[in-house]
C-alpha atoms as a PDB file:
ATOM      1  CA  MET A   1       6.632 142.416 126.914  1.00  0.00           C
ATOM      2  CA  THR A   2       6.482 141.246 123.320  1.00  0.00           C
ATOM      3  CA  VAL A   3       4.779 143.406 120.726  1.00  0.00           C
ATOM      4  CA  ASN A   4       4.175 143.418 116.976  1.00  0.00           C
ATOM      5  CA  CYS A   5       4.348 147.173 116.445  1.00  0.00           C
ATOM      6  CA  ARG A   6       3.267 147.502 112.833  1.00  0.00           C
ATOM      7  CA  SER A   7       5.200 150.805 112.895  1.00  0.00           C
ATOM      8  CA  VAL A   8       6.274 151.839 116.353  1.00  0.00           C
ATOM      9  CA  ARG A   9       6.725 155.378 115.015  1.00  0.00           C
ATOM     10  CA  GLU A  10       3.118 155.683 113.792  1.00  0.00           C
ATOM     11  CA  ASN A  11       1.801 153.993 116.953  1.00  0.00           C
ATOM     12  CA  LYS A  12       4.046 155.882 119.354  1.00  0.00           C
ATOM     13  CA  SER A  13       1.267 157.001 121.711  1.00  0.00           C
ATOM     14  CA  GLU A  14      -0.097 153.438 122.057  1.00  0.00           C
ATOM     15  CA  PHE A  15       3.442 152.166 122.646  1.00  0.00           C
ATOM     16  CA  LYS A  16       4.042 154.749 125.396  1.00  0.00           C
ATOM     17  CA  THR A  17       0.670 153.970 126.999  1.00  0.00           C
ATOM     18  CA  ALA A  18       1.518 150.249 127.126  1.00  0.00           C
ATOM     19  CA  ASP A  19       4.940 151.064 128.589  1.00  0.00           C
ATOM     20  CA  ASN A  20       3.428 153.317 131.272  1.00  0.00           C
ATOM     21  CA  TYR A  21       0.747 150.778 132.194  1.00  0.00           C
ATOM     22  CA  ILE A  22       2.751 147.541 132.088  1.00  0.00           C
ATOM     23  CA  LYS A  23       6.184 148.955 133.028  1.00  0.00           C
ATOM     24  CA  PRO A  24       8.108 146.071 131.445  1.00  0.00           C
ATOM     25  CA  ASP A  25      11.795 145.510 132.180  1.00  0.00           C
ATOM     26  CA  ILE A  26      12.353 144.292 128.620  1.00  0.00           C
ATOM     27  CA  ILE A  27      10.396 144.884 125.416  1.00  0.00           C
ATOM     28  CA  CYS A  28      10.869 142.683 122.343  1.00  0.00           C
ATOM     29  CA  GLY A  29       9.362 144.243 119.252  1.00  0.00           C
ATOM     30  CA  THR A  30       8.825 143.105 115.689  1.00  0.00           C
ATOM     31  CA  GLU A  31       7.610 145.043 112.660  1.00  0.00           C
ATOM     32  CA  SER A  32       9.181 148.233 114.025  1.00  0.00           C
ATOM     33  CA  TRP A  33       9.294 149.796 110.555  1.00  0.00           C
ATOM     34  CA  LEU A  34      12.297 151.875 111.643  1.00  0.00           C
ATOM     35  CA  ARG A  35      15.328 152.486 109.442  1.00  0.00           C
ATOM     36  CA  GLY A  36      19.023 153.197 109.592  1.00  0.00           C
ATOM     37  CA  ILE A  37      20.410 150.923 112.323  1.00  0.00           C
ATOM     38  CA  LYS A  38      22.019 147.504 111.834  1.00  0.00           C
ATOM     39  CA  PRO A  39      23.952 145.584 114.512  1.00  0.00           C
ATOM     40  CA  GLY A  40      27.726 145.954 114.295  1.00  0.00           C
ATOM     41  CA  LYS A  41      27.553 148.690 111.646  1.00  0.00           C
ATOM     42  CA  PRO A  42      27.726 152.497 111.894  1.00  0.00           C
ATOM     43  CA  HIS A  43      24.305 154.127 112.041  1.00  0.00           C
ATOM     44  CA  ASP A  44      23.010 155.669 108.840  1.00  0.00           C
ATOM     45  CA  THR A  45      23.118 159.474 109.005  1.00  0.00           C
ATOM     46  CA  ASN A  46      19.367 159.543 108.292  1.00  0.00           C
ATOM     47  CA  ALA A  47      18.543 156.893 110.909  1.00  0.00           C
ATOM     48  CA  ILE A  48      15.486 157.363 113.074  1.00  0.00           C
ATOM     49  CA  LYS A  49      16.926 158.027 116.514  1.00  0.00           C
ATOM     50  CA  ASN A  50      15.923 155.904 119.496  1.00  0.00           C
ATOM     51  CA  SER A  51      15.140 159.098 121.416  1.00  0.00           C
ATOM     52  CA  GLU A  52      12.416 159.917 118.859  1.00  0.00           C
ATOM     53  CA  ILE A  53      10.509 156.741 119.738  1.00  0.00           C
ATOM     54  CA  PHE A  54      11.532 155.123 122.997  1.00  0.00           C
ATOM     55  CA  PRO A  55      11.382 156.449 126.574  1.00  0.00           C
ATOM     56  CA  GLU A  56      14.801 157.514 127.869  1.00  0.00           C
ATOM     57  CA  HIS A  57      14.861 154.805 130.563  1.00  0.00           C
ATOM     58  CA  TYR A  58      15.512 152.104 127.943  1.00  0.00           C
ATOM     59  CA  ILE A  59      18.659 151.044 126.131  1.00  0.00           C
ATOM     60  CA  VAL A  60      17.470 149.984 122.689  1.00  0.00           C
ATOM     61  CA  TYR A  61      19.109 147.467 120.372  1.00  0.00           C
ATOM     62  CA  ARG A  62      17.771 147.445 116.826  1.00  0.00           C
ATOM     63  CA  ASN A  63      18.067 145.588 113.570  1.00  0.00           C
ATOM     64  CA  ASP A  64      16.143 147.598 111.003  1.00  0.00           C
ATOM     65  CA  ARG A  65      15.118 146.381 107.579  1.00  0.00           C
ATOM     66  CA  THR A  66      16.568 148.339 104.676  1.00  0.00           C
ATOM     67  CA  SER A  67      13.193 148.459 102.936  1.00  0.00           C
ATOM     68  CA  ARG A  68       9.742 149.424 104.205  1.00  0.00           C
ATOM     69  CA  GLY A  69       8.326 147.244 106.945  1.00  0.00           C
ATOM     70  CA  GLY A  70      10.000 144.671 109.131  1.00  0.00           C
ATOM     71  CA  GLY A  71      12.659 145.356 111.706  1.00  0.00           C
ATOM     72  CA  VAL A  72      13.157 144.128 115.263  1.00  0.00           C
ATOM     73  CA  PHE A  73      14.277 145.677 118.538  1.00  0.00           C
ATOM     74  CA  VAL A  74      14.994 144.756 122.122  1.00  0.00           C
ATOM     75  CA  ALA A  75      14.564 147.564 124.670  1.00  0.00           C
ATOM     76  CA  VAL A  76      16.056 146.966 128.128  1.00  0.00           C
ATOM     77  CA  GLN A  77      15.544 149.123 131.224  1.00  0.00           C
ATOM     78  CA  SER A  78      18.742 151.144 131.712  1.00  0.00           C
ATOM     79  CA  ASN A  79      19.169 149.843 135.276  1.00  0.00           C
ATOM     80  CA  ILE A  80      19.686 146.304 133.886  1.00  0.00           C
ATOM     81  CA  THR A  81      23.142 145.416 132.579  1.00  0.00           C
ATOM     82  CA  SER A  82      22.833 144.507 128.905  1.00  0.00           C
ATOM     83  CA  VAL A  83      25.008 144.315 125.819  1.00  0.00           C
ATOM     84  CA  GLU A  84      24.287 143.662 122.156  1.00  0.00           C
ATOM     85  CA  CYS A  85      25.859 140.469 120.788  1.00  0.00           C
ATOM     86  CA  THR A  86      27.123 141.096 117.274  1.00  0.00           C
ATOM     87  CA  GLU A  87      29.211 137.949 116.742  1.00  0.00           C
ATOM     88  CA  ASN A  88      26.351 136.080 115.024  1.00  0.00           C
ATOM     89  CA  ILE A  89      25.203 138.773 112.607  1.00  0.00           C
ATOM     90  CA  THR A  90      23.375 137.432 109.564  1.00  0.00           C
ATOM     91  CA  ASP A  91      21.148 138.864 106.843  1.00  0.00           C
ATOM     92  CA  CYS A  92      18.126 137.834 108.939  1.00  0.00           C
ATOM     93  CA  GLU A  93      16.100 140.222 111.057  1.00  0.00           C
ATOM     94  CA  LEU A  94      17.803 139.022 114.216  1.00  0.00           C
ATOM     95  CA  GLU A  95      18.735 140.820 117.425  1.00  0.00           C
ATOM     96  CA  THR A  96      20.674 139.164 120.250  1.00  0.00           C
ATOM     97  CA  VAL A  97      21.138 140.809 123.647  1.00  0.00           C
ATOM     98  CA  LYS A  98      22.947 139.469 126.709  1.00  0.00           C
ATOM     99  CA  ILE A  99      21.376 140.353 130.062  1.00  0.00           C
ATOM    100  CA  SER A 100      23.627 140.107 133.136  1.00  0.00           C
ATOM    101  CA  LEU A 101      21.950 139.746 136.511  1.00  0.00           C
ATOM    102  CA  LYS A 102      24.014 140.051 139.681  1.00  0.00           C
ATOM    103  CA  GLY A 103      24.709 136.624 141.166  1.00  0.00           C
ATOM    104  CA  LYS A 104      22.878 134.834 138.328  1.00  0.00           C
ATOM    105  CA  LYS A 105      23.832 133.264 135.013  1.00  0.00           C
ATOM    106  CA  ASP A 106      23.633 135.499 131.960  1.00  0.00           C
ATOM    107  CA  VAL A 107      20.395 135.407 129.982  1.00  0.00           C
ATOM    108  CA  TYR A 108      20.368 135.789 126.212  1.00  0.00           C
ATOM    109  CA  ILE A 109      17.399 137.256 124.406  1.00  0.00           C
ATOM    110  CA  ILE A 110      17.302 136.272 120.765  1.00  0.00           C
ATOM    111  CA  LEU A 111      14.613 137.929 118.706  1.00  0.00           C
ATOM    112  CA  LEU A 112      14.119 136.669 115.171  1.00  0.00           C
ATOM    113  CA  HIS A 113      11.465 137.853 112.794  1.00  0.00           C
ATOM    114  CA  GLY A 114      10.867 135.898 109.654  1.00  0.00           C
ATOM    115  CA  GLU A 115       8.243 135.679 106.959  1.00  0.00           C
ATOM    116  CA  THR A 116       6.646 132.448 105.914  1.00  0.00           C
END
């Protein structure tokens, strides 16, 4: 599932309803409007915790914007093997996650949010 959240925190009930109805294995979200988490860096002490927003059956990888707005995340069902790829970190709102499926080639999800 791909979603432009326009504040996943303020639209938490709609987000949970979509999750319960669709039951996606992976959710790619833009405009999360969350703060405090950047790939490959320690979390800010005031960071909005994943448990405040996302159902517990997801592992969530985030790249939050330091100012209001923006931000991306990839949420993967916890029964799917996944790992955040931090080797290509840039100043962009970019999140890269490697998905490993038994007996299959790895799949990379690259989520980039940019303004025009």
